[in-house]
Amino acid sequence: MDYRFKIAGREPVLVKGWGNVQIELIAAMAGVKPALHCWIGEEDLAYLSELTAALSLKHLVYDRGGKGALKLGVMIGKRMEDLEETAEIWNSPRSNPGPQLGYPPCCSKFYCDSYCNAEETDPPLDCIHHAARNTPPGKGLSFLLNDVFYFYSRKGHPDDAAKREAICRKNPGLNMEIMNVVPWHSCSYRCPNSLAKARAIWAMMLKVLPEHALTLRSCLSRPVVFWDWARFAVLDGEREKDGLWRYGGLRAPYSLLEPELEALLRGGDRIQAGADGRLDVLKGRRRAGTLPGNPAPLLLDFVPETA
């Protein structure tokens, strides 16, 4: 989906929908990402040159040997020195360009150690499980770090593309490719480094893409029951007290949750979290059932407030 960025002193700028690039461009404009990387076709180079100039950014074609139609490897950012540095290390063996891409060092290291380089678990854990387990206790998680719908940098499976397309079909009117604020996965949902960068991105988004920002806040600032990247449920409600959430139903974005689980959630009005991590669905004073899963589902209490 294409958007037009609002830039002071000029006509709105057309930004084509290339995956999550629109969010990454906003992060670059905010000074959060020294560089972002993408592959483009030869025919898009003129457009990219005009786009980066309009956004007060620079671009560097560092590779012309891409596969298929996307022949050109491109770095985009504010300073040519950062683009050249990122290009130099991009294809280096065992390199981690996280710092050049603007990821907080703590988040980059945690992601690699706990997810990319970790031994496989049975059942496999999504990176969101790792971040949640690393999150200190407390009330409410800033919606700015909600990465439930950020489908990138997740371990893939052969049917991922089909699942992503199915999720998009279940959410008409929402651009599921850019349902995030930060274009990385945080080491925890209270990471101060990620939060500081997220606030800068959010401030820029409110300026250049305000309508999407409002939609994003509405979707991200809700409690989410999470199993894995394709199976989650957004609650239309909020925490009532410690360990208890009241809700009036489910709301978008919708996932590929099994019909019986969706029916159980829609038939309840509260979720109670036990000390053992168990999530019980309640209807009035009656327990309607327990949400199953291996690993057990998480209840991520995202809220609209930002500091």
C-alpha atoms as a PDB file:
ATOM      1  CA  MET A   1       0.000   0.000   0.000  1.00  0.00           C
ATOM      2  CA  ASP A   2       1.368   3.408  -0.973  1.00  0.00           C
ATOM      3  CA  TYR A   3       1.254   6.455   1.291  1.00  0.00           C
ATOM      4  CA  ARG A   4       1.993  10.143   0.978  1.00  0.00           C
ATOM      5  CA  PHE A   5       4.284  11.580   3.637  1.00  0.00           C
ATOM      6  CA  LYS A   6       3.451  15.091   4.807  1.00  0.00           C
ATOM      7  CA  ILE A   7       6.590  17.230   4.550  1.00  0.00           C
ATOM      8  CA  ALA A   8       6.559  20.849   5.700  1.00  0.00           C
ATOM      9  CA  GLY A   9       6.891  23.350   2.889  1.00  0.00           C
ATOM     10  CA  ARG A  10       6.175  21.012  -0.010  1.00  0.00           C
ATOM     11  CA  GLU A  11       3.584  18.764  -1.603  1.00  0.00           C
ATOM     12  CA  PRO A  12       3.038  15.363   0.064  1.00  0.00           C
ATOM     13  CA  VAL A  13       5.652  12.809  -1.015  1.00  0.00           C
ATOM     14  CA  LEU A  14       4.597   9.466  -2.510  1.00  0.00           C
ATOM     15  CA  VAL A  15       6.225   6.554  -0.669  1.00  0.00           C
ATOM     16  CA  LYS A  16       5.657   3.160  -2.251  1.00  0.00           C
ATOM     17  CA  GLY A  17       4.735   0.180  -0.135  1.00  0.00           C
ATOM     18  CA  TRP A  18       7.874  -1.966  -0.092  1.00  0.00           C
ATOM     19  CA  GLY A  19       7.341  -4.223   2.919  1.00  0.00           C
ATOM     20  CA  ASN A  20       8.185  -2.350   6.131  1.00  0.00           C
ATOM     21  CA  VAL A  21      10.290   0.297   4.372  1.00  0.00           C
ATOM     22  CA  GLN A  22       7.837   3.101   5.138  1.00  0.00           C
ATOM     23  CA  ILE A  23       8.373   2.612   8.889  1.00  0.00           C
ATOM     24  CA  GLU A  24      12.123   2.337   8.386  1.00  0.00           C
ATOM     25  CA  LEU A  25      12.169   5.577   6.378  1.00  0.00           C
ATOM     26  CA  ILE A  26      10.383   7.360   9.219  1.00  0.00           C
ATOM     27  CA  ALA A  27      12.985   5.948  11.621  1.00  0.00           C
ATOM     28  CA  ALA A  28      15.758   7.246   9.361  1.00  0.00           C
ATOM     29  CA  MET A  29      14.116  10.685   9.145  1.00  0.00           C
ATOM     30  CA  ALA A  30      13.943  10.712  12.966  1.00  0.00           C
ATOM     31  CA  GLY A  31      17.666  10.034  13.168  1.00  0.00           C
ATOM     32  CA  VAL A  32      17.102   6.635  14.801  1.00  0.00           C
ATOM     33  CA  LYS A  33      18.339   4.468  11.910  1.00  0.00           C
ATOM     34  CA  PRO A  34      21.733   5.519  10.539  1.00  0.00           C
ATOM     35  CA  ALA A  35      21.046   3.174   7.620  1.00  0.00           C
ATOM     36  CA  LEU A  36      18.290   0.978   6.251  1.00  0.00           C
ATOM     37  CA  HIS A  37      18.705  -1.693   3.617  1.00  0.00           C
ATOM     38  CA  CYS A  38      16.486  -2.743   0.733  1.00  0.00           C
ATOM     39  CA  TRP A  39      16.636  -4.459  -2.665  1.00  0.00           C
ATOM     40  CA  ILE A  40      15.089  -2.676  -5.647  1.00  0.00           C
ATOM     41  CA  GLY A  41      14.791  -3.106  -9.393  1.00  0.00           C
ATOM     42  CA  GLU A  42      16.785  -1.009 -11.857  1.00  0.00           C
ATOM     43  CA  GLU A  43      13.568   0.711 -12.922  1.00  0.00           C
ATOM     44  CA  ASP A  44      12.994   2.033  -9.364  1.00  0.00           C
ATOM     45  CA  LEU A  45      16.349   3.782  -9.006  1.00  0.00           C
ATOM     46  CA  ALA A  46      15.125   7.107 -10.418  1.00  0.00           C
ATOM     47  CA  TYR A  47      12.103   7.021  -8.086  1.00  0.00           C
ATOM     48  CA  LEU A  48      14.340   6.230  -5.108  1.00  0.00           C
ATOM     49  CA  SER A  49      16.659   9.111  -5.961  1.00  0.00           C
ATOM     50  CA  GLU A  50      13.727  11.537  -5.989  1.00  0.00           C
ATOM     51  CA  LEU A  51      12.270  10.034  -2.816  1.00  0.00           C
ATOM     52  CA  THR A  52      15.437  10.261  -0.734  1.00  0.00           C
ATOM     53  CA  ALA A  53      16.032  13.836  -1.864  1.00  0.00           C
ATOM     54  CA  ALA A  54      12.463  14.792  -0.915  1.00  0.00           C
ATOM     55  CA  LEU A  55      12.897  13.229   2.539  1.00  0.00           C
ATOM     56  CA  SER A  56      16.317  14.867   3.091  1.00  0.00           C
ATOM     57  CA  LEU A  57      18.000  11.464   2.984  1.00  0.00           C
ATOM     58  CA  LYS A  58      20.795   9.944   0.903  1.00  0.00           C
ATOM     59  CA  HIS A  59      21.093   6.584  -0.818  1.00  0.00           C
ATOM     60  CA  LEU A  60      23.954   4.334  -1.871  1.00  0.00           C
ATOM     61  CA  VAL A  61      23.791   1.513  -4.408  1.00  0.00           C
ATOM     62  CA  TYR A  62      26.344  -0.878  -2.939  1.00  0.00           C
ATOM     63  CA  ASP A  63      25.494  -4.095  -4.815  1.00  0.00           C
ATOM     64  CA  ARG A  64      24.313  -4.703  -8.388  1.00  0.00           C
ATOM     65  CA  GLY A  65      24.266  -8.482  -8.224  1.00  0.00           C
ATOM     66  CA  GLY A  66      20.872  -9.211  -6.707  1.00  0.00           C
ATOM     67  CA  LYS A  67      18.715 -12.139  -7.785  1.00  0.00           C
ATOM     68  CA  GLY A  68      15.653 -11.911  -9.997  1.00  0.00           C
ATOM     69  CA  ALA A  69      14.098  -8.527 -10.621  1.00  0.00           C
ATOM     70  CA  LEU A  70      15.561  -6.960  -7.470  1.00  0.00           C
ATOM     71  CA  LYS A  71      19.093  -6.428  -8.733  1.00  0.00           C
ATOM     72  CA  LEU A  72      20.206  -3.420  -6.695  1.00  0.00           C
ATOM     73  CA  GLY A  73      21.172  -3.522  -3.041  1.00  0.00           C
ATOM     74  CA  VAL A  74      20.630  -0.059  -1.553  1.00  0.00           C
ATOM     75  CA  MET A  75      21.441   1.665   1.739  1.00  0.00           C
ATOM     76  CA  ILE A  76      19.397   4.722   2.782  1.00  0.00           C
ATOM     77  CA  GLY A  77      20.071   7.188   5.586  1.00  0.00           C
ATOM     78  CA  LYS A  78      21.015  10.726   6.514  1.00  0.00           C
ATOM     79  CA  ARG A  79      24.818  10.509   6.222  1.00  0.00           C
ATOM     80  CA  MET A  80      26.766   8.963   3.361  1.00  0.00           C
ATOM     81  CA  GLU A  81      29.491   7.943   5.821  1.00  0.00           C
ATOM     82  CA  ASP A  82      26.995   5.698   7.669  1.00  0.00           C
ATOM     83  CA  LEU A  83      25.793   4.134   4.428  1.00  0.00           C
ATOM     84  CA  GLU A  84      29.332   3.358   3.306  1.00  0.00           C
ATOM     85  CA  GLU A  85      30.194   1.840   6.692  1.00  0.00           C
ATOM     86  CA  THR A  86      27.078  -0.343   6.676  1.00  0.00           C
ATOM     87  CA  ALA A  87      27.697  -1.469   3.097  1.00  0.00           C
ATOM     88  CA  GLU A  88      31.268  -2.439   3.966  1.00  0.00           C
ATOM     89  CA  ILE A  89      30.245  -4.828   6.718  1.00  0.00           C
ATOM     90  CA  TRP A  90      26.912  -6.019   5.269  1.00  0.00           C
ATOM     91  CA  ASN A  91      28.283  -9.107   3.543  1.00  0.00           C
ATOM     92  CA  SER A  92      31.181  -9.719   5.917  1.00  0.00           C
ATOM     93  CA  PRO A  93      31.194 -13.220   7.410  1.00  0.00           C
ATOM     94  CA  ARG A  94      29.484 -13.399  10.828  1.00  0.00           C
ATOM     95  CA  SER A  95      28.964  -9.655  10.881  1.00  0.00           C
ATOM     96  CA  ASN A  96      26.196  -8.089  12.920  1.00  0.00           C
ATOM     97  CA  PRO A  97      25.175  -4.755  11.358  1.00  0.00           C
ATOM     98  CA  GLY A  98      22.658  -4.114  14.136  1.00  0.00           C
ATOM     99  CA  PRO A  99      24.341  -0.911  15.409  1.00  0.00           C
ATOM    100  CA  GLN A 100      24.514   0.512  11.871  1.00  0.00           C
ATOM    101  CA  LEU A 101      20.802  -0.239  11.428  1.00  0.00           C
ATOM    102  CA  GLY A 102      19.948   1.636  14.612  1.00  0.00           C
ATOM    103  CA  TYR A 103      19.115  -1.334  16.828  1.00  0.00           C
ATOM    104  CA  PRO A 104      19.957  -0.784  20.524  1.00  0.00           C
ATOM    105  CA  PRO A 105      23.036  -2.909  21.317  1.00  0.00           C
ATOM    106  CA  CYS A 106      21.204  -4.676  24.150  1.00  0.00           C
ATOM    107  CA  CYS A 107      18.359  -5.667  21.814  1.00  0.00           C
ATOM    108  CA  SER A 108      20.655  -6.738  18.992  1.00  0.00           C
ATOM    109  CA  LYS A 109      22.722  -8.944  21.318  1.00  0.00           C
ATOM    110  CA  PHE A 110      19.652 -10.403  23.028  1.00  0.00           C
ATOM    111  CA  TYR A 111      17.980 -11.223  19.717  1.00  0.00           C
ATOM    112  CA  CYS A 112      21.080 -13.003  18.409  1.00  0.00           C
ATOM    113  CA  ASP A 113      21.846 -14.843  21.657  1.00  0.00           C
ATOM    114  CA  SER A 114      18.332 -15.942  22.587  1.00  0.00           C
ATOM    115  CA  TYR A 115      16.792 -16.446  19.172  1.00  0.00           C
ATOM    116  CA  CYS A 116      19.073 -16.574  16.148  1.00  0.00           C
ATOM    117  CA  ASN A 117      22.023 -18.433  17.689  1.00  0.00           C
ATOM    118  CA  ALA A 118      20.163 -20.359  20.375  1.00  0.00           C
ATOM    119  CA  GLU A 119      19.519 -24.074  20.211  1.00  0.00           C
ATOM    120  CA  GLU A 120      16.104 -25.051  18.903  1.00  0.00           C
ATOM    121  CA  THR A 121      13.480 -25.618  21.580  1.00  0.00           C
ATOM    122  CA  ASP A 122      10.575 -28.026  21.497  1.00  0.00           C
ATOM    123  CA  PRO A 123       8.145 -26.464  20.988  1.00  0.00           C
ATOM    124  CA  PRO A 124       9.947 -23.603  19.217  1.00  0.00           C
ATOM    125  CA  LEU A 125       9.632 -20.223  20.920  1.00  0.00           C
ATOM    126  CA  ASP A 126       8.838 -17.039  19.024  1.00  0.00           C
ATOM    127  CA  CYS A 127      11.123 -14.085  19.732  1.00  0.00           C
ATOM    128  CA  ILE A 128       8.171 -12.463  21.523  1.00  0.00           C
ATOM    129  CA  HIS A 129       8.243 -15.252  24.114  1.00  0.00           C
ATOM    130  CA  HIS A 130      11.915 -14.507  24.739  1.00  0.00           C
ATOM    131  CA  ALA A 131      11.294 -10.759  25.108  1.00  0.00           C
ATOM    132  CA  ALA A 132       8.326 -11.323  27.426  1.00  0.00           C
ATOM    133  CA  ARG A 133      10.347 -13.638  29.653  1.00  0.00           C
ATOM    134  CA  ASN A 134      13.045 -10.953  29.833  1.00  0.00           C
ATOM    135  CA  THR A 135      10.593  -8.172  30.744  1.00  0.00           C
ATOM    136  CA  PRO A 136      10.655  -6.948  34.367  1.00  0.00           C
ATOM    137  CA  PRO A 137       7.304  -7.077  36.191  1.00  0.00           C
ATOM    138  CA  GLY A 138       5.114  -3.995  36.330  1.00  0.00           C
ATOM    139  CA  LYS A 139       1.847  -2.534  35.128  1.00  0.00           C
ATOM    140  CA  GLY A 140       1.216  -1.876  31.461  1.00  0.00           C
ATOM    141  CA  LEU A 141       3.532  -2.120  28.466  1.00  0.00           C
ATOM    142  CA  SER A 142       3.951   0.828  26.105  1.00  0.00           C
ATOM    143  CA  PHE A 143       2.209   0.260  22.789  1.00  0.00           C
ATOM    144  CA  LEU A 144       5.317   1.719  21.126  1.00  0.00           C
ATOM    145  CA  LEU A 145       7.149  -1.602  21.582  1.00  0.00           C
ATOM    146  CA  ASN A 146       4.264  -3.842  20.499  1.00  0.00           C
ATOM    147  CA  ASP A 147       5.844  -6.107  17.854  1.00  0.00           C
ATOM    148  CA  VAL A 148       3.138  -8.791  17.736  1.00  0.00           C
ATOM    149  CA  PHE A 149       2.201  -7.783  14.174  1.00  0.00           C
ATOM    150  CA  TYR A 150       5.774  -7.105  13.017  1.00  0.00           C
ATOM    151  CA  PHE A 151       6.235 -10.192  10.866  1.00  0.00           C
ATOM    152  CA  TYR A 152       9.872  -9.558   9.981  1.00  0.00           C
ATOM    153  CA  SER A 153      12.929 -11.185  11.562  1.00  0.00           C
ATOM    154  CA  ARG A 154      10.890 -14.176  12.740  1.00  0.00           C
ATOM    155  CA  LYS A 155      12.048 -17.717  12.051  1.00  0.00           C
ATOM    156  CA  GLY A 156      10.369 -18.853   8.855  1.00  0.00           C
ATOM    157  CA  HIS A 157       8.467 -21.935   7.759  1.00  0.00           C
ATOM    158  CA  PRO A 158       7.424 -23.038   4.263  1.00  0.00           C
ATOM    159  CA  ASP A 159       3.845 -21.819   4.719  1.00  0.00           C
ATOM    160  CA  ASP A 160       4.696 -18.409   6.200  1.00  0.00           C
ATOM    161  CA  ALA A 161       3.908 -16.479   3.021  1.00  0.00           C
ATOM    162  CA  ALA A 162       0.496 -18.140   2.754  1.00  0.00           C
ATOM    163  CA  LYS A 163      -0.231 -17.437   6.418  1.00  0.00           C
ATOM    164  CA  ARG A 164       0.745 -13.791   6.071  1.00  0.00           C
ATOM    165  CA  GLU A 165      -1.538 -13.416   3.061  1.00  0.00           C
ATOM    166  CA  ALA A 166      -4.370 -15.057   5.003  1.00  0.00           C
ATOM    167  CA  ILE A 167      -3.871 -12.658   7.932  1.00  0.00           C
ATOM    168  CA  CYS A 168      -3.954  -9.716   5.520  1.00  0.00           C
ATOM    169  CA  ARG A 169      -7.245 -10.976   4.051  1.00  0.00           C
ATOM    170  CA  LYS A 170      -8.747 -11.192   7.546  1.00  0.00           C
ATOM    171  CA  ASN A 171      -7.884  -7.526   8.148  1.00  0.00           C
ATOM    172  CA  PRO A 172      -9.211  -5.473   5.213  1.00  0.00           C
ATOM    173  CA  GLY A 173      -8.452  -1.804   5.631  1.00  0.00           C
ATOM    174  CA  LEU A 174      -5.333  -2.426   7.719  1.00  0.00           C
ATOM    175  CA  ASN A 175      -1.862  -2.488   6.193  1.00  0.00           C
ATOM    176  CA  MET A 176      -0.378  -5.418   8.089  1.00  0.00           C
ATOM    177  CA  GLU A 177       3.063  -4.745   6.567  1.00  0.00           C
ATOM    178  CA  ILE A 178       3.533  -1.615   8.690  1.00  0.00           C
ATOM    179  CA  MET A 179       1.722  -2.399  11.941  1.00  0.00           C
ATOM    180  CA  ASN A 180       4.682  -1.459  14.130  1.00  0.00           C
ATOM    181  CA  VAL A 181       6.552   1.576  15.456  1.00  0.00           C
ATOM    182  CA  VAL A 182      10.059   0.190  15.927  1.00  0.00           C
ATOM    183  CA  PRO A 183      11.499  -1.920  13.076  1.00  0.00           C
ATOM    184  CA  TRP A 184      13.248  -4.409  15.348  1.00  0.00           C
ATOM    185  CA  HIS A 185      12.415  -6.752  18.233  1.00  0.00           C
ATOM    186  CA  SER A 186      13.255  -5.343  21.667  1.00  0.00           C
ATOM    187  CA  CYS A 187      15.123  -7.288  24.326  1.00  0.00           C
ATOM    188  CA  SER A 188      12.248  -6.588  26.722  1.00  0.00           C
ATOM    189  CA  TYR A 189       9.007  -4.640  26.638  1.00  0.00           C
ATOM    190  CA  ARG A 190      10.444  -2.182  29.151  1.00  0.00           C
ATOM    191  CA  CYS A 191      13.817  -1.666  27.427  1.00  0.00           C
ATOM    192  CA  PRO A 192      14.703   2.027  28.043  1.00  0.00           C
ATOM    193  CA  ASN A 193      16.910   2.185  24.957  1.00  0.00           C
ATOM    194  CA  SER A 194      14.189   0.907  22.643  1.00  0.00           C
ATOM    195  CA  LEU A 195      11.595   3.148  24.284  1.00  0.00           C
ATOM    196  CA  ALA A 196      13.727   6.260  23.753  1.00  0.00           C
ATOM    197  CA  LYS A 197      14.169   5.439  20.068  1.00  0.00           C
ATOM    198  CA  ALA A 198      10.490   4.486  19.724  1.00  0.00           C
ATOM    199  CA  ARG A 199       9.402   7.883  21.042  1.00  0.00           C
ATOM    200  CA  ALA A 200      11.549   9.633  18.456  1.00  0.00           C
ATOM    201  CA  ILE A 201      10.075   7.506  15.655  1.00  0.00           C
ATOM    202  CA  TRP A 202       6.559   8.101  16.976  1.00  0.00           C
ATOM    203  CA  ALA A 203       7.056  11.884  17.068  1.00  0.00           C
ATOM    204  CA  MET A 204       8.174  11.810  13.430  1.00  0.00           C
ATOM    205  CA  MET A 205       5.306   9.517  12.431  1.00  0.00           C
ATOM    206  CA  LEU A 206       2.770  11.925  13.910  1.00  0.00           C
ATOM    207  CA  LYS A 207       4.191  14.607  11.609  1.00  0.00           C
ATOM    208  CA  VAL A 208       4.575  12.744   8.338  1.00  0.00           C
ATOM    209  CA  LEU A 209       1.932  10.008   8.528  1.00  0.00           C
ATOM    210  CA  PRO A 210      -0.581  11.161  11.170  1.00  0.00           C
ATOM    211  CA  GLU A 211      -3.603   9.195   9.961  1.00  0.00           C
ATOM    212  CA  HIS A 212      -1.713   5.906  10.049  1.00  0.00           C
ATOM    213  CA  ALA A 213      -0.258   6.823  13.449  1.00  0.00           C
ATOM    214  CA  LEU A 214      -3.745   7.130  14.929  1.00  0.00           C
ATOM    215  CA  THR A 215      -4.792   3.788  13.434  1.00  0.00           C
ATOM    216  CA  LEU A 216      -1.603   2.230  14.724  1.00  0.00           C
ATOM    217  CA  ARG A 217      -2.106   3.493  18.269  1.00  0.00           C
ATOM    218  CA  SER A 218      -5.658   2.111  18.311  1.00  0.00           C
ATOM    219  CA  CYS A 219      -4.458  -1.330  17.195  1.00  0.00           C
ATOM    220  CA  LEU A 220      -1.280  -1.545  19.285  1.00  0.00           C
ATOM    221  CA  SER A 221      -2.551  -0.212  22.614  1.00  0.00           C
ATOM    222  CA  ARG A 222      -4.682  -3.228  23.574  1.00  0.00           C
ATOM    223  CA  PRO A 223      -4.012  -6.368  25.624  1.00  0.00           C
ATOM    224  CA  VAL A 224      -3.005  -9.287  23.399  1.00  0.00           C
ATOM    225  CA  VAL A 225      -3.206 -13.009  24.067  1.00  0.00           C
ATOM    226  CA  PHE A 226      -0.245 -14.416  22.144  1.00  0.00           C
ATOM    227  CA  TRP A 227       0.607 -17.955  21.037  1.00  0.00           C
ATOM    228  CA  ASP A 228       2.808 -17.331  18.002  1.00  0.00           C
ATOM    229  CA  TRP A 229       3.185 -14.852  15.133  1.00  0.00           C
ATOM    230  CA  ALA A 230       0.136 -16.192  13.279  1.00  0.00           C
ATOM    231  CA  ARG A 231      -2.044 -16.975  16.322  1.00  0.00           C
ATOM    232  CA  PHE A 232      -2.997 -14.135  18.642  1.00  0.00           C
ATOM    233  CA  ALA A 233      -6.119 -12.368  19.913  1.00  0.00           C
ATOM    234  CA  VAL A 234      -6.465  -8.633  20.550  1.00  0.00           C
ATOM    235  CA  LEU A 235      -8.817  -7.896  23.452  1.00  0.00           C
ATOM    236  CA  ASP A 236     -11.218  -4.965  23.407  1.00  0.00           C
ATOM    237  CA  GLY A 237     -10.625  -4.242  27.081  1.00  0.00           C
ATOM    238  CA  GLU A 238      -8.096  -3.433  29.779  1.00  0.00           C
ATOM    239  CA  ARG A 239      -6.597  -4.606  33.033  1.00  0.00           C
ATOM    240  CA  GLU A 240      -9.145  -4.482  35.858  1.00  0.00           C
ATOM    241  CA  LYS A 241      -6.673  -5.354  38.603  1.00  0.00           C
ATOM    242  CA  ASP A 242      -3.533  -7.428  39.006  1.00  0.00           C
ATOM    243  CA  GLY A 243      -4.008 -10.699  37.176  1.00  0.00           C
ATOM    244  CA  LEU A 244      -7.469  -9.864  35.803  1.00  0.00           C
ATOM    245  CA  TRP A 245      -8.459  -8.304  32.477  1.00  0.00           C
ATOM    246  CA  ARG A 246     -12.008  -7.335  31.516  1.00  0.00           C
ATOM    247  CA  TYR A 247     -12.957  -7.230  27.819  1.00  0.00           C
ATOM    248  CA  GLY A 248     -16.013  -6.807  25.634  1.00  0.00           C
ATOM    249  CA  GLY A 249     -14.879  -8.918  22.704  1.00  0.00           C
ATOM    250  CA  LEU A 250     -12.077  -9.288  20.197  1.00  0.00           C
ATOM    251  CA  ARG A 251     -10.946  -6.634  17.753  1.00  0.00           C
ATOM    252  CA  ALA A 252      -8.610  -6.187  14.817  1.00  0.00           C
ATOM    253  CA  PRO A 253      -6.006  -7.125  13.893  1.00  0.00           C
ATOM    254  CA  TYR A 254      -7.324 -10.682  13.654  1.00  0.00           C
ATOM    255  CA  SER A 255      -5.145 -13.780  13.296  1.00  0.00           C
ATOM    256  CA  LEU A 256      -5.404 -17.409  12.220  1.00  0.00           C
ATOM    257  CA  LEU A 257      -6.477 -18.559  15.674  1.00  0.00           C
ATOM    258  CA  GLU A 258      -8.270 -21.890  15.766  1.00  0.00           C
ATOM    259  CA  PRO A 259     -12.086 -21.485  15.720  1.00  0.00           C
ATOM    260  CA  GLU A 260     -12.523 -23.267  19.075  1.00  0.00           C
ATOM    261  CA  LEU A 261     -10.072 -20.897  20.800  1.00  0.00           C
ATOM    262  CA  GLU A 262     -11.674 -17.863  19.209  1.00  0.00           C
ATOM    263  CA  ALA A 263     -15.106 -19.106  20.308  1.00  0.00           C
ATOM    264  CA  LEU A 264     -13.869 -19.600  23.885  1.00  0.00           C
ATOM    265  CA  LEU A 265     -12.511 -16.053  24.001  1.00  0.00           C
ATOM    266  CA  ARG A 266     -15.618 -14.523  22.413  1.00  0.00           C
ATOM    267  CA  GLY A 267     -17.778 -16.364  24.941  1.00  0.00           C
ATOM    268  CA  GLY A 268     -15.992 -14.803  27.904  1.00  0.00           C
ATOM    269  CA  ASP A 269     -15.739 -11.334  29.409  1.00  0.00           C
ATOM    270  CA  ARG A 270     -12.635 -11.591  31.589  1.00  0.00           C
ATOM    271  CA  ILE A 271      -9.261 -13.339  31.594  1.00  0.00           C
ATOM    272  CA  GLN A 272      -7.584 -14.325  34.829  1.00  0.00           C
ATOM    273  CA  ALA A 273      -3.872 -15.071  34.986  1.00  0.00           C
ATOM    274  CA  GLY A 274      -2.805 -17.654  37.521  1.00  0.00           C
ATOM    275  CA  ALA A 275       0.465 -17.698  39.421  1.00  0.00           C
ATOM    276  CA  ASP A 276       1.532 -20.655  37.272  1.00  0.00           C
ATOM    277  CA  GLY A 277       1.002 -18.625  34.068  1.00  0.00           C
ATOM    278  CA  ARG A 278      -2.324 -20.288  33.258  1.00  0.00           C
ATOM    279  CA  LEU A 279      -4.890 -18.064  31.527  1.00  0.00           C
ATOM    280  CA  ASP A 280      -8.520 -18.798  32.430  1.00  0.00           C
ATOM    281  CA  VAL A 281     -11.421 -17.342  30.462  1.00  0.00           C
ATOM    282  CA  LEU A 282     -14.280 -16.254  32.729  1.00  0.00           C
ATOM    283  CA  LYS A 283     -17.921 -15.464  32.001  1.00  0.00           C
ATOM    284  CA  GLY A 284     -19.283 -13.598  34.964  1.00  0.00           C
ATOM    285  CA  ARG A 285     -18.244 -15.654  38.003  1.00  0.00           C
ATOM    286  CA  ARG A 286     -17.975 -18.878  36.009  1.00  0.00           C
ATOM    287  CA  ARG A 287     -14.775 -20.265  34.507  1.00  0.00           C
ATOM    288  CA  ALA A 288     -15.541 -20.933  30.848  1.00  0.00           C
ATOM    289  CA  GLY A 289     -12.247 -22.665  30.152  1.00  0.00           C
ATOM    290  CA  THR A 290      -8.458 -22.463  30.132  1.00  0.00           C
ATOM    291  CA  LEU A 291      -6.509 -21.259  27.129  1.00  0.00           C
ATOM    292  CA  PRO A 292      -4.312 -24.195  26.055  1.00  0.00           C
ATOM    293  CA  GLY A 293      -0.923 -24.091  24.414  1.00  0.00           C
ATOM    294  CA  ASN A 294       2.566 -25.490  24.492  1.00  0.00           C
ATOM    295  CA  PRO A 295       4.194 -23.161  25.271  1.00  0.00           C
ATOM    296  CA  ALA A 296       1.406 -21.539  27.251  1.00  0.00           C
ATOM    297  CA  PRO A 297      -0.039 -18.365  25.712  1.00  0.00           C
ATOM    298  CA  LEU A 298       1.091 -14.980  26.975  1.00  0.00           C
ATOM    299  CA  LEU A 299      -1.067 -12.037  27.956  1.00  0.00           C
ATOM    300  CA  LEU A 300       0.816  -8.917  26.874  1.00  0.00           C
ATOM    301  CA  ASP A 301      -0.746  -5.870  28.517  1.00  0.00           C
ATOM    302  CA  PHE A 302      -0.078  -3.129  25.970  1.00  0.00           C
ATOM    303  CA  VAL A 303      -1.529   0.261  26.919  1.00  0.00           C
ATOM    304  CA  PRO A 304      -1.927   3.615  25.135  1.00  0.00           C
ATOM    305  CA  GLU A 305       0.077   5.727  27.563  1.00  0.00           C
ATOM    306  CA  THR A 306       3.538   6.953  26.629  1.00  0.00           C
ATOM    307  CA  ALA A 307       5.964   8.794  28.873  1.00  0.00           C
END
